[in-house]
Amino acid sequence: MRSPDRKLSTQEVARKRKKLDKTLGQLEGLKEGTRKHHRKMFKAEKTLDQVRTGYSGIRPNKSAFNRNEVAKDSLGEKDAWAKWEKGYMDRTHKMKGTKHERVLTPEDNRKEMEMERGEFMYDKNKGQIRLRKTDDAENPIERQTSYGESRGEGHKTGERFGYDPADKAKFNALNQQTKDSLVDQAWKYGKPFFSPKHGVNVDPEDGVLSSRPVYSDNTKLTYDKIDKPFSESGIQRKSALNMVGLGVSRNSRCWEGYEPTPGVKPYAKGSCRKK
């Protein structure tokens, strides 16, 4: 439950008016019904309401969507995101009909779409993509809380990865001793892993990873989960030579794949030969 709306000062109202003028100017030339138009209209309505009432916050009756049309346009998450992306990718111009008009390339559309993706979320109650609620400084106050887990198998080629600020926060919450301990476990297991306890991926070479890529299918990079120290895993640790395929056989002084050379003194040059 959010805090009560507060009364805006004279200076804050003046700043809101300037912000409203800027947003209305950006709306010029935007095609009505597109996601870009929707986003700007939502901001304009919110700011106008704040200027009129003199209070911060978002009034419940303010929305960029016509709520009476929601049921008719309800979509599954995959289809909703596809429609949202199409709204960006179908654009050919920006600020069309104004002095600021410019031609948009597919790369321009994709770049802006990925930059703004984090401002939106899928609302499963309405079956649509909608803007995340923001505070007066336009910082999101609601974030997606559930993601799938994968190694990126379902990621669309050419699309950029997203990132969840919550993962960076989990990384920053770890002290150096904990990070060193996690990396030590990765070395002992001989592979990267995901720590359910700390919510981070750990790599033997790169250490504790500060973020987890969010793929286009709404999953996060998640290595094999390990929630116990290597000493409790029951796995027999290999020697360093064994890890690189140069292990010494238990029944022989020679490397695996070799055997003692008859007539040659042990450990002398040529004392082992290939089998």
Protein backbone atom coordinates (compact mmCIF):
# COMPACT_ATOMS: atom_id res chain seq x y z
CA MET A 1 0.00 0.00 0.00
CA ARG A 2 1.54 3.32 -1.08
CA SER A 3 1.97 6.37 1.12
CA PRO A 4 -0.66 9.18 1.02
CA ASP A 5 -0.30 11.84 -1.67
CA ARG A 6 1.43 14.96 -0.42
CA LYS A 7 0.70 18.59 -1.22
CA LEU A 8 3.06 20.06 -3.81
CA SER A 9 4.92 23.31 -3.19
CA THR A 10 4.59 26.28 -5.56
CA GLN A 11 7.99 25.49 -7.04
CA GLU A 12 7.05 21.85 -7.60
CA VAL A 13 3.81 22.80 -9.35
CA ALA A 14 5.78 25.16 -11.62
CA ARG A 15 8.18 22.34 -12.44
CA LYS A 16 5.25 20.05 -13.18
CA ARG A 17 3.81 22.65 -15.60
CA LYS A 18 7.12 22.75 -17.50
CA LYS A 19 7.19 18.98 -17.58
CA LEU A 20 3.62 18.91 -18.92
CA ASP A 21 4.48 21.38 -21.70
CA LYS A 22 7.46 19.24 -22.69
CA THR A 23 5.40 16.04 -22.77
CA LEU A 24 2.62 17.64 -24.82
CA GLY A 25 5.25 18.83 -27.29
CA GLN A 26 6.58 15.28 -27.60
CA LEU A 27 3.06 14.01 -28.34
CA GLU A 28 2.92 16.07 -31.55
CA GLY A 29 3.05 13.84 -34.56
CA LEU A 30 2.82 10.56 -32.63
CA LYS A 31 0.31 8.11 -34.05
CA GLU A 32 -2.61 7.62 -31.71
CA GLY A 33 -2.96 4.06 -30.45
CA THR A 34 0.75 3.26 -30.54
CA ARG A 35 2.62 2.29 -27.38
CA LYS A 36 4.75 5.40 -27.64
CA HIS A 37 1.64 7.59 -27.78
CA HIS A 38 0.15 5.62 -24.88
CA ARG A 39 3.21 6.17 -22.71
CA LYS A 40 3.34 9.91 -23.37
CA MET A 41 -0.41 10.32 -22.88
CA PHE A 42 -0.23 8.53 -19.56
CA LYS A 43 2.53 10.86 -18.36
CA ALA A 44 0.65 13.91 -19.62
CA GLU A 45 -2.59 12.88 -17.87
CA LYS A 46 -0.76 12.12 -14.64
CA THR A 47 1.13 15.43 -14.65
CA LEU A 48 -1.96 17.44 -15.61
CA ASP A 49 -3.86 15.88 -12.72
CA GLN A 50 -1.03 16.77 -10.32
CA VAL A 51 -1.01 20.38 -11.55
CA ARG A 52 -4.80 20.69 -11.21
CA THR A 53 -5.05 19.09 -7.77
CA GLY A 54 -1.77 20.35 -6.33
CA TYR A 55 -0.99 16.87 -4.97
CA SER A 56 1.57 14.20 -5.88
CA GLY A 57 0.78 10.60 -6.79
CA ILE A 58 -1.32 8.82 -9.39
CA ARG A 59 -5.09 9.01 -9.07
CA PRO A 60 -6.85 5.62 -9.44
CA ASN A 61 -9.05 6.87 -12.28
CA LYS A 62 -6.08 7.91 -14.41
CA SER A 63 -5.01 5.43 -17.08
CA ALA A 64 -3.73 5.53 -20.64
CA PHE A 65 -6.00 2.62 -21.57
CA ASN A 66 -9.75 2.73 -22.00
CA ARG A 67 -10.62 0.24 -19.28
CA ASN A 68 -13.93 -0.62 -20.98
CA GLU A 69 -11.96 -2.06 -23.89
CA VAL A 70 -9.65 -4.28 -21.84
CA ALA A 71 -11.78 -7.40 -21.96
CA LYS A 72 -12.02 -7.19 -25.76
CA ASP A 73 -8.26 -6.88 -26.16
CA SER A 74 -7.07 -9.31 -23.48
CA LEU A 75 -4.02 -11.29 -24.64
CA GLY A 76 -1.70 -13.97 -23.33
CA GLU A 77 1.71 -12.73 -22.17
CA LYS A 78 3.61 -13.83 -25.27
CA ASP A 79 1.07 -12.25 -27.66
CA ALA A 80 0.84 -9.09 -25.56
CA TRP A 81 4.60 -8.53 -25.72
CA ALA A 82 4.59 -9.27 -29.45
CA LYS A 83 1.92 -6.60 -29.97
CA TRP A 84 3.85 -4.15 -27.80
CA GLU A 85 7.04 -4.74 -29.80
CA LYS A 86 5.16 -4.32 -33.09
CA GLY A 87 4.04 -0.87 -31.95
CA TYR A 88 7.69 0.17 -31.85
CA MET A 89 9.00 -1.71 -34.88
CA ASP A 90 6.25 -0.48 -37.25
CA ARG A 91 7.25 3.18 -36.82
CA THR A 92 8.79 4.97 -39.79
CA HIS A 93 9.11 8.54 -38.42
CA LYS A 94 9.49 10.35 -35.13
CA MET A 95 7.70 13.62 -34.36
CA LYS A 96 6.06 13.41 -37.79
CA GLY A 97 4.52 16.64 -39.01
CA THR A 98 6.70 18.81 -36.77
CA LYS A 99 9.99 20.62 -37.33
CA HIS A 100 11.67 17.87 -35.33
CA GLU A 101 10.50 15.10 -37.69
CA ARG A 102 13.09 12.45 -38.54
CA VAL A 103 13.12 9.07 -40.26
CA LEU A 104 13.44 6.01 -38.04
CA THR A 105 15.36 2.89 -39.03
CA PRO A 106 14.57 -0.59 -37.67
CA GLU A 107 17.71 -0.27 -35.52
CA ASP A 108 16.44 3.06 -34.11
CA ASN A 109 13.14 1.40 -33.22
CA ARG A 110 14.79 -1.62 -31.61
CA LYS A 111 17.21 0.51 -29.59
CA GLU A 112 14.44 2.70 -28.16
CA MET A 113 12.22 -0.33 -27.54
CA GLU A 114 14.89 -2.11 -25.48
CA MET A 115 15.73 1.07 -23.56
CA GLU A 116 12.07 1.52 -22.55
CA ARG A 117 11.15 -2.15 -22.06
CA GLY A 118 11.84 -1.93 -18.33
CA GLU A 119 9.16 0.79 -17.96
CA PHE A 120 6.46 -1.71 -18.91
CA MET A 121 5.12 -4.95 -17.49
CA TYR A 122 2.55 -7.59 -18.38
CA ASP A 123 -0.65 -7.30 -16.35
CA LYS A 124 -2.13 -10.79 -16.31
CA ASN A 125 -5.37 -9.52 -14.76
CA LYS A 126 -6.02 -7.35 -17.82
CA GLY A 127 -4.11 -9.38 -20.39
CA GLN A 128 -2.15 -6.35 -21.56
CA ILE A 129 1.23 -4.67 -21.35
CA ARG A 130 1.05 -1.56 -19.21
CA LEU A 131 3.37 1.06 -17.74
CA ARG A 132 4.85 0.36 -14.35
CA LYS A 133 3.77 2.86 -11.71
CA THR A 134 6.37 5.52 -10.93
CA ASP A 135 7.01 8.03 -8.15
CA ASP A 136 7.28 11.79 -8.63
CA ALA A 137 10.84 11.41 -9.89
CA GLU A 138 9.67 8.91 -12.54
CA ASN A 139 11.40 6.02 -10.75
CA PRO A 140 9.52 2.69 -10.98
CA ILE A 141 7.79 1.75 -7.72
CA GLU A 142 6.71 -1.68 -8.91
CA ARG A 143 8.86 -4.28 -10.58
CA GLN A 144 8.36 -7.72 -11.99
CA THR A 145 8.84 -10.23 -9.20
CA SER A 146 8.85 -13.56 -11.03
CA TYR A 147 10.97 -14.83 -13.90
CA GLY A 148 11.63 -18.20 -15.43
CA GLU A 149 15.06 -19.83 -15.31
CA SER A 150 17.17 -20.85 -18.30
CA ARG A 151 20.55 -20.67 -19.98
CA GLY A 152 19.13 -18.47 -22.73
CA GLU A 153 17.83 -21.22 -25.02
CA GLY A 154 14.63 -19.29 -25.78
CA HIS A 155 16.24 -15.89 -26.36
CA LYS A 156 15.43 -14.30 -29.72
CA THR A 157 18.53 -13.79 -31.86
CA GLY A 158 19.41 -10.12 -32.25
CA GLU A 159 17.49 -8.90 -29.21
CA ARG A 160 19.30 -7.26 -26.34
CA PHE A 161 19.29 -8.65 -22.84
CA GLY A 162 17.33 -6.97 -20.07
CA TYR A 163 18.49 -6.62 -16.47
CA ASP A 164 16.70 -6.63 -13.13
CA PRO A 165 18.03 -4.05 -10.62
CA ALA A 166 17.15 -6.50 -7.84
CA ASP A 167 20.03 -8.76 -8.96
CA LYS A 168 22.53 -5.92 -8.65
CA ALA A 169 21.18 -5.19 -5.17
CA LYS A 170 21.73 -8.83 -4.13
CA PHE A 171 25.31 -8.68 -5.39
CA ASN A 172 25.99 -5.42 -3.55
CA ALA A 173 24.59 -6.90 -0.33
CA LEU A 174 27.34 -9.55 -0.24
CA ASN A 175 30.51 -8.78 1.68
CA GLN A 176 33.89 -9.74 0.24
CA GLN A 177 34.28 -12.71 2.57
CA THR A 178 31.02 -14.24 1.29
CA LYS A 179 32.00 -13.60 -2.33
CA ASP A 180 35.39 -15.26 -1.81
CA SER A 181 33.71 -18.23 -0.15
CA LEU A 182 31.29 -18.68 -3.07
CA VAL A 183 34.12 -18.52 -5.62
CA ASP A 184 36.07 -21.08 -3.59
CA GLN A 185 33.08 -23.45 -3.79
CA ALA A 186 32.87 -22.92 -7.56
CA TRP A 187 36.52 -23.93 -7.84
CA LYS A 188 35.94 -27.03 -5.73
CA TYR A 189 32.90 -28.06 -7.76
CA GLY A 190 34.81 -27.26 -10.94
CA LYS A 191 31.90 -25.44 -12.59
CA PRO A 192 29.70 -22.31 -12.34
CA PHE A 193 26.59 -22.53 -10.19
CA PHE A 194 23.62 -20.55 -8.90
CA SER A 195 23.33 -19.93 -5.16
CA PRO A 196 19.63 -20.02 -4.12
CA LYS A 197 20.57 -18.62 -0.71
CA HIS A 198 22.23 -15.47 -2.08
CA GLY A 199 20.42 -15.26 -5.44
CA VAL A 200 23.59 -14.93 -7.54
CA ASN A 201 25.45 -16.88 -10.21
CA VAL A 202 29.05 -17.80 -9.39
CA ASP A 203 31.77 -18.60 -11.92
CA PRO A 204 35.18 -20.13 -11.06
CA GLU A 205 36.95 -17.71 -13.39
CA ASP A 206 34.80 -14.56 -13.29
CA GLY A 207 33.77 -14.76 -9.63
CA VAL A 208 30.33 -13.74 -8.32
CA LEU A 209 28.41 -12.21 -11.25
CA SER A 210 26.89 -8.81 -10.51
CA SER A 211 23.86 -9.32 -12.75
CA ARG A 212 21.73 -11.97 -14.43
CA PRO A 213 20.69 -11.32 -18.05
CA VAL A 214 16.93 -11.35 -18.59
CA TYR A 215 16.16 -13.03 -21.91
CA SER A 216 13.41 -12.20 -24.37
CA ASP A 217 11.31 -15.14 -23.15
CA ASN A 218 11.23 -13.56 -19.67
CA THR A 219 13.72 -15.96 -18.12
CA LYS A 220 16.94 -15.20 -16.25
CA LEU A 221 20.35 -16.80 -16.63
CA THR A 222 20.46 -19.51 -13.99
CA TYR A 223 23.29 -22.01 -13.63
CA ASP A 224 22.86 -25.37 -11.90
CA LYS A 225 21.63 -24.75 -8.36
CA ILE A 226 23.98 -25.67 -5.52
CA ASP A 227 22.93 -25.00 -1.94
CA LYS A 228 25.54 -26.90 0.08
CA PRO A 229 29.32 -26.66 0.46
CA PHE A 230 31.45 -29.06 -1.55
CA SER A 231 32.49 -30.86 1.65
CA GLU A 232 28.87 -31.95 2.15
CA SER A 233 28.22 -32.92 -1.47
CA GLY A 234 29.65 -36.44 -1.28
CA ILE A 235 31.64 -35.79 -4.46
CA GLN A 236 35.25 -37.01 -4.45
CA ARG A 237 37.44 -34.12 -5.48
CA LYS A 238 39.83 -34.72 -8.36
CA SER A 239 43.42 -33.58 -8.29
CA ALA A 240 44.47 -30.63 -10.40
CA LEU A 241 46.24 -33.01 -12.84
CA ASN A 242 43.11 -35.14 -13.19
CA MET A 243 41.04 -32.04 -14.00
CA VAL A 244 43.20 -31.35 -17.06
CA GLY A 245 43.43 -34.99 -18.09
CA LEU A 246 46.94 -35.55 -16.75
CA GLY A 247 46.00 -37.52 -13.67
CA VAL A 248 48.23 -40.27 -12.31
CA SER A 249 46.69 -43.73 -12.16
CA ARG A 250 46.20 -45.13 -8.66
CA ASN A 251 47.80 -48.42 -9.70
CA SER A 252 50.76 -46.90 -11.49
CA ARG A 253 53.36 -44.17 -11.20
CA CYS A 254 52.64 -43.22 -14.81
CA TRP A 255 50.01 -40.87 -16.20
CA GLU A 256 46.70 -42.30 -17.34
CA GLY A 257 47.12 -43.86 -20.77
CA TYR A 258 50.75 -44.76 -20.09
CA GLU A 259 52.52 -47.76 -18.57
CA PRO A 260 55.97 -48.39 -17.08
CA THR A 261 58.73 -48.99 -19.66
CA PRO A 262 60.41 -52.35 -18.99
CA GLY A 263 64.07 -52.06 -18.03
CA VAL A 264 63.98 -48.32 -17.36
CA LYS A 265 64.54 -46.99 -13.84
CA PRO A 266 61.29 -45.55 -12.31
CA TYR A 267 60.95 -41.79 -12.71
CA ALA A 268 63.93 -41.65 -15.07
CA LYS A 269 63.50 -40.14 -18.53
CA GLY A 270 61.47 -42.54 -20.68
CA SER A 271 60.34 -44.60 -17.72
CA CYS A 272 56.73 -44.51 -19.01
CA ARG A 273 55.45 -45.28 -22.48
CA LYS A 274 52.07 -45.06 -24.21
CA LYS A 275 49.91 -48.14 -23.90
